[in-house]
Amino acid sequence: MKQKLLNIGFGSTVVADRIIAVVQPNSAPMKRLRDEAKDNKRLVDATHGRRTRSMIITDSNHVVLSAIQAETISLRYTILKASE
């Protein structure tokens, strides 16, 4: 079975089937989630030094930070899933 990769910006990709949620990082609960993931070594920073605009939560409980808007990533995810 071939896995589909979702582009999350600047050459970074995530396996689409592993994604549970794409959220905006602004709220306090999301900031706590990011801090917890960092403390537990489950945080992947794919922003390449840019501002974090979305957080991707995976089924392995990893949190991936992206500099691409959550809406854009969700749209890319929808298009990728529709092409299956």
Protein backbone atom coordinates (compact mmCIF):
# COMPACT_ATOMS: atom_id res chain seq x y z
CA MET A 1 0.00 0.00 0.00
CA LYS A 2 1.39 3.38 -1.03
CA GLN A 3 1.21 6.11 1.60
CA LYS A 4 0.12 9.61 0.62
CA LEU A 5 2.27 12.49 1.86
CA LEU A 6 0.70 15.83 2.71
CA ASN A 7 2.79 18.93 1.99
CA ILE A 8 2.90 21.10 5.13
CA GLY A 9 5.17 23.75 3.64
CA PHE A 10 8.78 24.44 2.75
CA GLY A 11 9.52 20.89 1.59
CA SER A 12 8.13 19.20 4.71
CA THR A 13 5.55 16.43 4.49
CA VAL A 14 3.45 14.30 6.84
CA VAL A 15 1.85 10.91 6.15
CA ALA A 16 -1.78 11.87 5.53
CA ASP A 17 -3.28 8.72 7.09
CA ARG A 18 -1.59 9.48 10.43
CA ILE A 19 -3.20 12.92 10.88
CA ILE A 20 -5.91 13.23 13.54
CA ALA A 21 -6.37 17.01 13.58
CA VAL A 22 -5.11 20.28 12.12
CA VAL A 23 -5.61 23.16 14.55
CA GLN A 24 -4.68 26.79 15.01
CA PRO A 25 -2.03 27.35 17.71
CA ASN A 26 -3.54 30.51 19.26
CA SER A 27 -5.59 29.13 22.17
CA ALA A 28 -4.26 28.33 25.62
CA PRO A 29 -5.08 24.59 25.37
CA MET A 30 -3.10 24.34 22.12
CA LYS A 31 -0.15 26.15 23.73
CA ARG A 32 -0.27 23.66 26.63
CA LEU A 33 -0.41 20.78 24.14
CA ARG A 34 2.65 22.17 22.35
CA ASP A 35 4.55 22.60 25.64
CA GLU A 36 3.65 19.05 26.75
CA ALA A 37 4.82 17.63 23.43
CA LYS A 38 8.08 19.54 23.71
CA ASP A 39 8.69 18.30 27.25
CA ASN A 40 7.98 14.69 26.18
CA LYS A 41 10.12 14.98 22.99
CA ARG A 42 7.09 14.55 20.69
CA LEU A 43 7.28 17.99 19.05
CA VAL A 44 8.37 18.35 15.42
CA ASP A 45 9.07 21.92 14.34
CA ALA A 46 8.61 22.19 10.56
CA THR A 47 8.30 25.99 10.50
CA HIS A 48 11.88 26.59 9.28
CA GLY A 49 12.17 29.60 11.58
CA ARG A 50 8.88 31.17 10.56
CA ARG A 51 5.85 31.93 12.70
CA THR A 52 3.74 28.90 13.69
CA ARG A 53 0.36 29.12 11.97
CA SER A 54 -0.92 25.57 12.48
CA MET A 55 -0.41 22.47 14.56
CA ILE A 56 -0.90 18.96 13.25
CA ILE A 57 -1.71 16.23 15.75
CA THR A 58 -0.91 12.66 14.68
CA ASP A 59 -2.13 9.27 15.84
CA SER A 60 1.28 8.62 17.41
CA ASN A 61 0.63 11.61 19.70
CA HIS A 62 3.26 13.75 17.96
CA VAL A 63 2.63 17.44 17.38
CA VAL A 64 3.95 18.96 14.14
CA LEU A 65 4.27 22.73 13.85
CA SER A 66 3.81 24.33 10.43
CA ALA A 67 4.13 27.87 9.07
CA ILE A 68 1.19 27.24 6.70
CA GLN A 69 -2.35 28.26 7.71
CA ALA A 70 -4.53 25.47 9.15
CA GLU A 71 -7.18 26.15 6.52
CA THR A 72 -4.65 25.67 3.71
CA ILE A 73 -3.42 22.38 5.16
CA SER A 74 -7.01 21.18 5.62
CA LEU A 75 -7.78 22.04 2.00
CA ARG A 76 -4.68 20.16 0.81
CA TYR A 77 -5.73 17.20 2.96
CA THR A 78 -9.23 17.20 1.47
CA ILE A 79 -7.87 17.32 -2.09
CA LEU A 80 -5.39 14.53 -1.33
CA LYS A 81 -8.11 12.30 0.16
CA ALA A 82 -10.47 13.00 -2.75
CA SER A 83 -7.82 11.79 -5.22
CA GLU A 84 -7.74 8.29 -3.64
